[in-house]
Amino acid sequence: DVPHAMIVTVQYEGGGDTELGIVPAGGEQSFTMAASPGESVTLVASDEADTHSRESSVTLSDQPQTWTIE
């Protein structure tokens, strides 16, 4: 759990990125992405001041997936 809210953005394989929303401090949030199963994307989480950032590359499936920001 991170002690501050994190803004989550998805960066698409073919270019472009979209802000998905905000995960509250120490909380959880679900997002739906406009992408196809099998597509690889990079998820980026950063605080509002952009001093803390985490990222993870995932290959999307048609099942819900979980990313824990640590």
Protein backbone atom coordinates (compact mmCIF):
# COMPACT_ATOMS: atom_id res chain seq x y z
CA ASP A 1 0.00 0.00 0.00
CA VAL A 2 1.23 3.44 -0.84
CA PRO A 3 0.58 6.35 1.55
CA HIS A 4 -0.62 8.76 -1.15
CA ALA A 5 -3.11 8.75 -4.02
CA MET A 6 -1.70 7.49 -7.33
CA ILE A 7 -2.79 8.55 -10.81
CA VAL A 8 -2.86 5.53 -13.14
CA THR A 9 -2.17 5.89 -16.86
CA VAL A 10 -2.11 3.21 -19.56
CA GLN A 11 0.42 3.47 -22.40
CA TYR A 12 -0.61 1.50 -25.47
CA GLU A 13 1.74 -0.64 -27.54
CA GLY A 14 0.92 1.27 -30.73
CA GLY A 15 1.44 4.65 -29.07
CA GLY A 16 -0.69 7.02 -27.09
CA ASP A 17 -1.67 6.97 -23.46
CA THR A 18 -4.84 7.45 -21.45
CA GLU A 19 -5.35 8.39 -17.81
CA LEU A 20 -7.50 5.67 -16.23
CA GLY A 21 -8.13 7.38 -12.90
CA ILE A 22 -6.89 7.67 -9.34
CA VAL A 23 -6.22 4.99 -6.74
CA PRO A 24 -6.80 6.43 -3.24
CA ALA A 25 -4.01 6.28 -0.66
CA GLY A 26 -3.83 2.77 0.78
CA GLY A 27 -6.86 1.78 -1.29
CA GLU A 28 -7.97 -0.19 -4.31
CA GLN A 29 -9.56 0.82 -7.59
CA SER A 30 -10.78 -1.05 -10.68
CA PHE A 31 -10.38 0.29 -14.21
CA THR A 32 -11.66 -0.93 -17.58
CA MET A 33 -9.32 -0.45 -20.55
CA ALA A 34 -10.27 -0.07 -24.19
CA ALA A 35 -7.83 -2.67 -25.50
CA SER A 36 -7.91 -6.14 -26.98
CA PRO A 37 -6.93 -9.42 -25.28
CA GLY A 38 -3.33 -10.20 -26.20
CA GLU A 39 -2.38 -6.53 -26.46
CA SER A 40 0.59 -5.46 -24.35
CA VAL A 41 0.28 -2.22 -22.42
CA THR A 42 2.33 -0.42 -19.79
CA LEU A 43 0.57 0.75 -16.66
CA VAL A 44 2.12 3.76 -14.92
CA ALA A 45 1.16 5.01 -11.47
CA SER A 46 2.48 8.31 -10.17
CA ASP A 47 1.59 10.66 -7.34
CA GLU A 48 0.17 14.10 -8.07
CA ALA A 49 3.56 15.78 -7.56
CA ASP A 50 5.13 13.17 -9.90
CA THR A 51 7.81 12.40 -7.29
CA HIS A 52 6.91 8.70 -6.95
CA SER A 53 6.28 6.50 -9.97
CA ARG A 54 5.82 2.77 -10.60
CA GLU A 55 5.19 0.96 -13.85
CA SER A 56 4.36 -2.52 -15.02
CA SER A 57 4.01 -4.02 -18.49
CA VAL A 58 1.14 -6.47 -18.88
CA THR A 59 -0.37 -8.52 -21.67
CA LEU A 60 -4.12 -8.14 -21.46
CA SER A 61 -6.47 -11.10 -21.26
CA ASP A 62 -10.25 -11.36 -21.22
CA GLN A 63 -10.09 -12.11 -17.48
CA PRO A 64 -9.70 -9.46 -14.75
CA GLN A 65 -6.06 -8.79 -13.87
CA THR A 66 -4.55 -7.32 -10.72
CA TRP A 67 -1.62 -4.95 -10.32
CA THR A 68 -0.41 -4.17 -6.82
CA ILE A 69 1.44 -0.85 -6.59
CA GLU A 70 4.23 -1.13 -4.03
